[in-house]
């Protein structure tokens, strides 16, 4: 009887020593026609295994960051845009300081309809909003078809 209890305790302890132990936020079992897979989401710890062929970090989630930036434009070339008054009732003045040469603007309503467009050739561009109804509008400043500034304008 003592041997049976001792054997039971030994087997139970050996199963616990090889079980996985991770702190996770969520997880589950996914089943399909090809089989079953167990998964976890939000692991915050990991095990580093080192062997003769290299290292493996088990349980580490790799983040991916996607940036939509100013492709091909150097930081020193970016425009400094000032728009005032905002909110407005008649005109809005766009002041731009830049060394870029091909700078344009697109002026949309909040439904995405293009209302005005043009080339910015001076440091100051005046947009007439008197004929527009009260609401929100969107101004995009572009260089070579790449948006370098987006501004929301409110008209009273």
N, C-alpha and C. Protein backbone atom coordinates (compact mmCIF):
# COMPACT_ATOMS: atom_id res chain seq x y z
N UNK A 1 0.81 -1.20 0.00
CA UNK A 1 0.00 0.00 0.00
C UNK A 1 0.86 1.26 0.00
N UNK A 2 1.96 1.23 0.78
CA UNK A 2 2.85 2.38 0.83
C UNK A 2 3.51 2.59 -0.54
N UNK A 3 3.84 1.49 -1.21
CA UNK A 3 4.48 1.61 -2.52
C UNK A 3 3.54 2.23 -3.54
N UNK A 4 2.27 1.90 -3.48
CA UNK A 4 1.29 2.45 -4.40
C UNK A 4 1.16 3.95 -4.19
N UNK A 5 1.08 4.37 -2.93
CA UNK A 5 0.99 5.81 -2.63
C UNK A 5 2.25 6.53 -3.06
N UNK A 6 3.40 5.93 -2.77
CA UNK A 6 4.67 6.54 -3.14
C UNK A 6 4.79 6.65 -4.66
N UNK A 7 4.40 5.59 -5.38
CA UNK A 7 4.42 5.61 -6.84
C UNK A 7 3.47 6.67 -7.39
N UNK A 8 2.29 6.79 -6.79
CA UNK A 8 1.31 7.81 -7.22
C UNK A 8 1.86 9.21 -7.02
N UNK A 9 2.47 9.48 -5.88
CA UNK A 9 3.04 10.80 -5.60
C UNK A 9 4.18 11.08 -6.58
N UNK A 10 5.02 10.08 -6.85
CA UNK A 10 6.13 10.26 -7.78
C UNK A 10 5.64 10.57 -9.19
N UNK A 11 4.66 9.83 -9.67
CA UNK A 11 4.12 10.07 -11.01
C UNK A 11 3.47 11.44 -11.11
N UNK A 12 2.71 11.83 -10.08
CA UNK A 12 2.07 13.14 -10.07
C UNK A 12 3.11 14.25 -10.09
N UNK A 13 4.16 14.13 -9.32
CA UNK A 13 5.22 15.14 -9.26
C UNK A 13 5.97 15.20 -10.59
N UNK A 14 6.19 14.07 -11.24
CA UNK A 14 6.90 14.08 -12.51
C UNK A 14 6.08 14.75 -13.60
N UNK A 15 4.76 14.57 -13.59
CA UNK A 15 3.91 15.25 -14.57
C UNK A 15 3.93 16.76 -14.37
N UNK A 16 3.95 17.21 -13.12
CA UNK A 16 3.99 18.64 -12.85
C UNK A 16 5.32 19.27 -13.26
N UNK A 17 6.39 18.53 -13.17
CA UNK A 17 7.70 19.10 -13.48
C UNK A 17 7.89 19.35 -14.98
N UNK A 18 7.15 18.65 -15.86
CA UNK A 18 7.31 18.88 -17.29
C UNK A 18 6.16 19.67 -17.90
N UNK A 19 5.21 20.10 -17.12
CA UNK A 19 4.07 20.86 -17.64
C UNK A 19 4.50 22.28 -17.97
N UNK A 20 3.85 22.87 -18.98
CA UNK A 20 4.14 24.26 -19.32
C UNK A 20 3.54 25.17 -18.26
N UNK A 21 4.21 26.26 -18.04
CA UNK A 21 3.72 27.24 -17.06
C UNK A 21 3.99 28.62 -17.60
N UNK A 22 2.97 29.30 -18.08
CA UNK A 22 3.09 30.66 -18.61
C UNK A 22 1.95 31.51 -18.08
N UNK A 23 2.21 32.79 -17.95
CA UNK A 23 1.17 33.73 -17.60
C UNK A 23 0.62 34.29 -18.89
N UNK A 24 -0.65 34.03 -19.17
CA UNK A 24 -1.24 34.46 -20.43
C UNK A 24 -2.53 35.23 -20.16
N UNK A 25 -2.91 36.06 -21.13
CA UNK A 25 -4.15 36.83 -21.01
C UNK A 25 -5.35 36.00 -21.45
N UNK A 26 -5.15 35.15 -22.44
CA UNK A 26 -6.24 34.34 -22.98
C UNK A 26 -5.66 33.18 -23.76
N UNK A 27 -6.50 32.27 -24.20
CA UNK A 27 -6.03 31.15 -24.98
C UNK A 27 -7.18 30.22 -25.31
N UNK A 28 -6.85 29.10 -25.94
CA UNK A 28 -7.90 28.16 -26.27
C UNK A 28 -7.39 27.03 -27.12
N UNK A 29 -8.33 26.26 -27.64
CA UNK A 29 -8.03 25.14 -28.51
C UNK A 29 -8.79 25.35 -29.81
N UNK A 30 -8.08 25.30 -30.93
CA UNK A 30 -8.70 25.44 -32.25
C UNK A 30 -8.71 24.07 -32.91
N UNK A 31 -9.89 23.64 -33.36
CA UNK A 31 -10.02 22.33 -34.00
C UNK A 31 -10.51 22.50 -35.42
N UNK A 32 -10.07 21.64 -36.29
CA UNK A 32 -10.50 21.65 -37.68
C UNK A 32 -10.29 20.29 -38.29
N UNK A 33 -10.49 20.20 -39.59
CA UNK A 33 -10.35 18.91 -40.27
C UNK A 33 -8.91 18.44 -40.28
N UNK A 34 -7.96 19.35 -40.16
CA UNK A 34 -6.55 18.98 -40.17
C UNK A 34 -6.00 18.61 -38.81
N UNK A 35 -6.77 18.82 -37.75
CA UNK A 35 -6.29 18.49 -36.42
C UNK A 35 -6.67 19.53 -35.40
N UNK A 36 -5.92 19.57 -34.31
CA UNK A 36 -6.20 20.45 -33.19
C UNK A 36 -4.92 21.20 -32.82
N UNK A 37 -5.06 22.47 -32.45
CA UNK A 37 -3.92 23.27 -32.01
C UNK A 37 -4.31 24.03 -30.76
N UNK A 38 -3.43 24.05 -29.81
CA UNK A 38 -3.62 24.82 -28.60
C UNK A 38 -2.87 26.14 -28.76
N UNK A 39 -3.50 27.26 -28.37
CA UNK A 39 -2.85 28.55 -28.54
C UNK A 39 -3.05 29.41 -27.30
N UNK A 40 -2.17 30.39 -27.16
CA UNK A 40 -2.28 31.38 -26.09
C UNK A 40 -2.15 32.76 -26.70
N UNK A 41 -2.75 33.72 -26.04
CA UNK A 41 -2.71 35.12 -26.48
C UNK A 41 -2.24 35.95 -25.31
N UNK A 42 -1.26 36.79 -25.55
CA UNK A 42 -0.82 37.73 -24.52
C UNK A 42 0.18 37.16 -23.55
N UNK A 43 1.09 36.31 -24.01
CA UNK A 43 2.10 35.78 -23.12
C UNK A 43 3.01 36.91 -22.67
N UNK A 44 3.27 36.98 -21.38
CA UNK A 44 4.13 38.05 -20.87
C UNK A 44 5.47 37.53 -20.37
N UNK A 45 5.69 36.22 -20.45
CA UNK A 45 6.99 35.68 -20.09
C UNK A 45 7.40 34.65 -21.13
N UNK A 46 8.63 34.23 -21.08
CA UNK A 46 9.13 33.31 -22.09
C UNK A 46 10.23 32.44 -21.52
N UNK A 47 10.61 31.44 -22.30
CA UNK A 47 11.70 30.54 -21.95
C UNK A 47 12.75 30.67 -23.06
N UNK A 48 13.99 30.91 -22.67
CA UNK A 48 15.09 31.00 -23.63
C UNK A 48 15.79 29.66 -23.66
N UNK A 49 15.76 29.00 -24.81
CA UNK A 49 16.43 27.72 -24.99
C UNK A 49 17.65 27.93 -25.86
N UNK A 50 18.80 27.47 -25.39
CA UNK A 50 20.05 27.61 -26.13
C UNK A 50 20.58 26.23 -26.47
N UNK A 51 20.98 26.06 -27.71
CA UNK A 51 21.54 24.79 -28.16
C UNK A 51 22.74 25.03 -29.05
N UNK A 52 23.25 23.96 -29.64
CA UNK A 52 24.42 24.08 -30.49
C UNK A 52 24.12 24.80 -31.79
N UNK A 53 22.84 24.79 -32.21
CA UNK A 53 22.47 25.44 -33.48
C UNK A 53 21.94 26.85 -33.31
N UNK A 54 21.84 27.37 -32.10
CA UNK A 54 21.37 28.73 -31.90
C UNK A 54 20.45 28.86 -30.70
N UNK A 55 19.71 29.96 -30.66
CA UNK A 55 18.80 30.27 -29.56
C UNK A 55 17.36 30.24 -30.04
N UNK A 56 16.46 30.02 -29.11
CA UNK A 56 15.03 30.09 -29.40
C UNK A 56 14.34 30.68 -28.18
N UNK A 57 13.60 31.75 -28.41
CA UNK A 57 12.81 32.35 -27.33
C UNK A 57 11.37 31.91 -27.49
N UNK A 58 10.95 30.96 -26.71
CA UNK A 58 9.61 30.42 -26.80
C UNK A 58 8.66 31.29 -26.00
N UNK A 59 7.55 31.65 -26.62
CA UNK A 59 6.54 32.43 -25.92
C UNK A 59 6.65 33.92 -26.13
N UNK A 60 7.62 34.37 -26.91
CA UNK A 60 7.80 35.80 -27.14
C UNK A 60 6.93 36.24 -28.31
N UNK A 61 6.18 37.28 -28.13
CA UNK A 61 5.38 37.82 -29.23
C UNK A 61 6.19 38.93 -29.89
N UNK A 62 6.27 38.88 -31.19
CA UNK A 62 7.04 39.85 -31.94
C UNK A 62 6.11 40.96 -32.44
N UNK A 63 6.34 42.20 -32.02
CA UNK A 63 5.49 43.29 -32.51
C UNK A 63 5.92 43.74 -33.90
N UNK A 64 4.96 44.14 -34.71
CA UNK A 64 5.21 44.71 -36.02
C UNK A 64 4.62 46.11 -36.02
N UNK A 65 5.39 47.07 -36.46
CA UNK A 65 4.92 48.44 -36.54
C UNK A 65 4.92 48.86 -38.00
N UNK A 66 3.82 49.47 -38.41
CA UNK A 66 3.69 49.96 -39.77
C UNK A 66 3.62 51.47 -39.71
N UNK A 67 4.47 52.12 -40.46
CA UNK A 67 4.52 53.57 -40.47
C UNK A 67 4.14 54.07 -41.86
N UNK A 68 3.25 55.03 -41.88
CA UNK A 68 2.97 55.72 -43.13
C UNK A 68 3.61 57.09 -42.98
N UNK A 69 4.74 57.22 -43.56
CA UNK A 69 5.49 58.45 -43.36
C UNK A 69 5.64 59.24 -44.62
N UNK A 70 6.56 60.13 -44.57
CA UNK A 70 6.84 61.01 -45.70
C UNK A 70 7.94 60.36 -46.52
N UNK A 71 7.57 59.39 -47.32
CA UNK A 71 8.53 58.61 -48.10
C UNK A 71 9.30 59.51 -49.05
N UNK A 72 10.61 59.43 -48.98
CA UNK A 72 11.44 60.17 -49.91
C UNK A 72 11.62 61.64 -49.56
N UNK A 73 11.05 62.09 -48.46
CA UNK A 73 11.19 63.49 -48.06
C UNK A 73 12.08 63.55 -46.83
N UNK A 74 13.14 64.32 -46.90
CA UNK A 74 14.04 64.46 -45.76
C UNK A 74 13.36 65.31 -44.69
N UNK A 75 13.71 65.02 -43.44
CA UNK A 75 13.12 65.74 -42.31
C UNK A 75 13.33 67.25 -42.44
N UNK A 76 14.47 67.68 -42.96
CA UNK A 76 14.76 69.10 -43.10
C UNK A 76 13.89 69.77 -44.16
N UNK A 77 13.28 68.96 -45.07
CA UNK A 77 12.45 69.52 -46.13
C UNK A 77 10.98 69.65 -45.76
N UNK A 78 10.56 69.09 -44.64
CA UNK A 78 9.15 69.08 -44.29
C UNK A 78 8.62 70.49 -44.07
N UNK A 79 7.35 70.66 -44.39
CA UNK A 79 6.73 71.98 -44.32
C UNK A 79 6.27 72.29 -42.90
N UNK A 80 6.33 73.54 -42.55
CA UNK A 80 5.75 74.05 -41.32
C UNK A 80 4.49 74.81 -41.73
N UNK A 81 3.31 74.26 -41.38
CA UNK A 81 2.04 74.81 -41.84
C UNK A 81 1.31 75.45 -40.67
N UNK A 82 0.85 76.68 -40.88
CA UNK A 82 0.02 77.39 -39.90
C UNK A 82 -1.26 77.80 -40.61
N UNK A 83 -2.39 77.56 -39.96
CA UNK A 83 -3.69 77.89 -40.54
C UNK A 83 -4.48 78.70 -39.52
N UNK A 84 -5.02 79.83 -39.93
CA UNK A 84 -5.82 80.65 -39.03
C UNK A 84 -6.75 81.55 -39.83
N UNK A 85 -7.83 82.06 -39.28
CA UNK A 85 -8.40 81.64 -38.00
C UNK A 85 -9.15 80.32 -38.16
N UNK A 86 -9.16 79.55 -37.14
CA UNK A 86 -9.87 78.28 -37.16
C UNK A 86 -10.47 78.07 -35.77
N UNK A 87 -11.77 78.14 -35.66
CA UNK A 87 -12.84 78.23 -36.64
C UNK A 87 -12.89 79.59 -37.33
N UNK A 88 -13.57 79.59 -38.49
CA UNK A 88 -13.67 80.79 -39.30
C UNK A 88 -15.09 80.95 -39.82
N UNK A 89 -15.38 82.13 -40.38
CA UNK A 89 -16.69 82.34 -40.99
C UNK A 89 -16.56 82.84 -42.44
N UNK A 90 -15.37 83.34 -42.81
CA UNK A 90 -15.20 83.89 -44.16
C UNK A 90 -13.99 83.31 -44.89
N UNK A 91 -12.81 83.62 -44.39
CA UNK A 91 -11.57 83.21 -45.05
C UNK A 91 -10.72 82.42 -44.06
N UNK A 92 -9.83 81.63 -44.64
CA UNK A 92 -8.81 80.98 -43.83
C UNK A 92 -7.48 81.22 -44.54
N UNK A 93 -6.47 81.56 -43.77
CA UNK A 93 -5.16 81.86 -44.31
C UNK A 93 -4.22 80.70 -43.97
N UNK A 94 -3.58 80.15 -45.00
CA UNK A 94 -2.63 79.06 -44.83
C UNK A 94 -1.24 79.62 -45.05
N UNK A 95 -0.43 79.59 -43.99
CA UNK A 95 0.97 80.02 -44.10
C UNK A 95 1.83 78.77 -44.09
N UNK A 96 2.75 78.70 -45.04
CA UNK A 96 3.60 77.53 -45.15
C UNK A 96 5.04 77.95 -45.32
N UNK A 97 5.90 77.35 -44.51
CA UNK A 97 7.35 77.58 -44.63
C UNK A 97 7.96 76.26 -45.05
N UNK A 98 8.54 76.24 -46.24
CA UNK A 98 9.11 75.01 -46.75
C UNK A 98 10.14 75.29 -47.82
N UNK A 99 11.01 74.33 -48.04
CA UNK A 99 11.96 74.40 -49.15
C UNK A 99 11.49 73.51 -50.30
N UNK A 100 10.33 72.85 -50.14
CA UNK A 100 9.79 72.00 -51.19
C UNK A 100 9.25 72.86 -52.31
N UNK A 101 9.29 72.34 -53.53
CA UNK A 101 8.87 73.14 -54.67
C UNK A 101 7.49 72.79 -55.20
N UNK A 102 7.10 71.53 -55.21
CA UNK A 102 5.83 71.11 -55.80
C UNK A 102 4.81 70.84 -54.69
N UNK A 103 4.27 71.93 -54.10
CA UNK A 103 3.34 71.81 -52.97
C UNK A 103 1.94 72.20 -53.44
N UNK A 104 0.97 71.34 -53.17
CA UNK A 104 -0.42 71.57 -53.56
C UNK A 104 -1.33 71.42 -52.34
N UNK A 105 -2.58 71.87 -52.50
CA UNK A 105 -3.57 71.66 -51.44
C UNK A 105 -4.84 71.06 -52.03
N UNK A 106 -5.51 70.27 -51.22
CA UNK A 106 -6.82 69.71 -51.55
C UNK A 106 -7.75 70.03 -50.39
N UNK A 107 -8.92 70.58 -50.71
CA UNK A 107 -9.88 71.02 -49.70
C UNK A 107 -11.16 70.22 -49.88
N UNK A 108 -11.52 69.41 -48.88
CA UNK A 108 -12.66 68.50 -48.95
C UNK A 108 -13.73 68.87 -47.92
N UNK A 109 -14.99 68.50 -48.23
CA UNK A 109 -16.00 68.53 -47.18
C UNK A 109 -15.91 67.21 -46.42
N UNK A 110 -16.71 67.05 -45.37
CA UNK A 110 -16.59 65.85 -44.53
C UNK A 110 -17.16 64.61 -45.20
N UNK A 111 -17.80 64.74 -46.35
CA UNK A 111 -18.25 63.59 -47.13
C UNK A 111 -17.19 63.11 -48.11
N UNK A 112 -16.05 63.81 -48.14
CA UNK A 112 -14.97 63.44 -49.04
C UNK A 112 -15.05 64.07 -50.41
N UNK A 113 -15.99 65.00 -50.61
CA UNK A 113 -16.13 65.67 -51.90
C UNK A 113 -15.08 66.77 -52.00
N UNK A 114 -14.33 66.76 -53.11
CA UNK A 114 -13.31 67.78 -53.33
C UNK A 114 -13.98 69.10 -53.67
N UNK A 115 -13.68 70.14 -52.91
CA UNK A 115 -14.29 71.45 -53.10
C UNK A 115 -13.33 72.40 -53.81
N UNK A 116 -12.10 72.45 -53.35
CA UNK A 116 -11.07 73.32 -53.93
C UNK A 116 -9.76 72.55 -54.04
N UNK A 117 -8.96 72.93 -55.01
CA UNK A 117 -7.61 72.40 -55.09
C UNK A 117 -6.75 73.44 -55.77
N UNK A 118 -5.49 73.39 -55.51
CA UNK A 118 -4.61 74.35 -56.14
C UNK A 118 -3.17 74.16 -55.74
N UNK A 119 -2.32 74.95 -56.34
CA UNK A 119 -0.89 74.91 -56.08
C UNK A 119 -0.54 76.01 -55.09
N UNK A 120 0.28 75.68 -54.12
CA UNK A 120 0.77 76.68 -53.17
C UNK A 120 2.07 77.23 -53.73
N UNK A 121 2.02 78.49 -54.16
CA UNK A 121 3.20 79.10 -54.78
C UNK A 121 3.84 80.15 -53.90
N UNK A 122 3.09 80.66 -52.91
CA UNK A 122 3.62 81.68 -52.00
C UNK A 122 3.61 81.13 -50.58
N UNK A 123 4.19 81.89 -49.69
CA UNK A 123 4.17 81.48 -48.28
C UNK A 123 2.78 81.61 -47.66
N UNK A 124 1.91 82.41 -48.28
CA UNK A 124 0.55 82.59 -47.76
C UNK A 124 -0.46 82.29 -48.86
N UNK A 125 -1.46 81.49 -48.51
CA UNK A 125 -2.54 81.17 -49.43
C UNK A 125 -3.85 81.44 -48.70
N UNK A 126 -4.74 82.21 -49.34
CA UNK A 126 -6.02 82.57 -48.73
C UNK A 126 -7.13 81.74 -49.38
N UNK A 127 -7.89 81.02 -48.56
CA UNK A 127 -9.00 80.22 -49.05
C UNK A 127 -10.32 80.90 -48.66
N UNK A 128 -11.16 81.16 -49.67
CA UNK A 128 -12.45 81.82 -49.46
C UNK A 128 -13.49 80.76 -49.09
N UNK A 129 -14.07 80.89 -47.90
CA UNK A 129 -15.06 79.92 -47.42
C UNK A 129 -16.45 80.53 -47.27
N UNK A 130 -16.65 81.77 -47.80
CA UNK A 130 -17.93 82.46 -47.62
C UNK A 130 -19.08 81.72 -48.29
N UNK A 131 -18.84 81.08 -49.41
CA UNK A 131 -19.93 80.41 -50.14
C UNK A 131 -20.25 79.02 -49.57
N UNK A 132 -19.46 78.56 -48.62
CA UNK A 132 -19.67 77.22 -48.04
C UNK A 132 -20.60 77.28 -46.84
N UNK A 133 -21.35 76.21 -46.65
CA UNK A 133 -22.23 76.14 -45.48
C UNK A 133 -21.42 75.83 -44.23
N UNK A 134 -22.02 76.11 -43.09
CA UNK A 134 -21.36 75.84 -41.82
C UNK A 134 -21.11 74.35 -41.67
N UNK A 135 -19.96 74.00 -41.12
CA UNK A 135 -19.63 72.60 -40.91
C UNK A 135 -18.14 72.39 -40.80
N UNK A 136 -17.73 71.14 -40.90
CA UNK A 136 -16.32 70.77 -40.82
C UNK A 136 -15.79 70.46 -42.21
N UNK A 137 -14.55 70.85 -42.45
CA UNK A 137 -13.88 70.63 -43.72
C UNK A 137 -12.48 70.09 -43.45
N UNK A 138 -11.87 69.56 -44.48
CA UNK A 138 -10.55 68.93 -44.34
C UNK A 138 -9.61 69.49 -45.40
N UNK A 139 -8.44 69.96 -44.96
CA UNK A 139 -7.42 70.49 -45.86
C UNK A 139 -6.20 69.58 -45.83
N UNK A 140 -5.78 69.12 -46.99
CA UNK A 140 -4.57 68.31 -47.11
C UNK A 140 -3.52 69.09 -47.87
N UNK A 141 -2.31 69.14 -47.34
CA UNK A 141 -1.17 69.76 -48.01
C UNK A 141 -0.32 68.61 -48.55
N UNK A 142 -0.02 68.65 -49.86
CA UNK A 142 0.70 67.55 -50.49
C UNK A 142 1.97 68.02 -51.16
N UNK A 143 2.96 67.13 -51.19
CA UNK A 143 4.17 67.33 -51.96
C UNK A 143 4.40 66.07 -52.77
N UNK A 144 4.40 66.19 -54.09
CA UNK A 144 4.57 65.05 -54.99
C UNK A 144 3.58 63.94 -54.66
N UNK A 145 2.32 64.33 -54.47
CA UNK A 145 1.20 63.42 -54.18
C UNK A 145 1.34 62.67 -52.86
N UNK A 146 2.18 63.14 -51.97
CA UNK A 146 2.32 62.58 -50.63
C UNK A 146 1.84 63.62 -49.63
N UNK A 147 0.88 63.24 -48.78
CA UNK A 147 0.35 64.17 -47.79
C UNK A 147 1.42 64.49 -46.76
N UNK A 148 1.69 65.78 -46.57
CA UNK A 148 2.66 66.18 -45.55
C UNK A 148 1.98 66.87 -44.37
N UNK A 149 0.70 67.25 -44.53
CA UNK A 149 -0.04 67.86 -43.43
C UNK A 149 -1.53 67.71 -43.71
N UNK A 150 -2.30 67.42 -42.66
CA UNK A 150 -3.77 67.35 -42.74
C UNK A 150 -4.35 68.18 -41.61
N UNK A 151 -5.31 69.03 -41.95
CA UNK A 151 -5.88 69.95 -40.96
C UNK A 151 -7.40 69.94 -41.09
N UNK A 152 -8.09 69.86 -39.96
CA UNK A 152 -9.54 69.99 -39.94
C UNK A 152 -9.90 71.45 -39.71
N UNK A 153 -10.81 71.97 -40.55
CA UNK A 153 -11.23 73.37 -40.46
C UNK A 153 -12.71 73.39 -40.12
N UNK A 154 -13.09 74.27 -39.20
CA UNK A 154 -14.48 74.43 -38.80
C UNK A 154 -14.96 75.78 -39.30
N UNK A 155 -16.10 75.77 -40.03
CA UNK A 155 -16.70 77.01 -40.52
C UNK A 155 -18.00 77.24 -39.79
N UNK A 156 -18.15 78.48 -39.27
CA UNK A 156 -19.41 78.88 -38.61
C UNK A 156 -20.35 79.52 -39.58
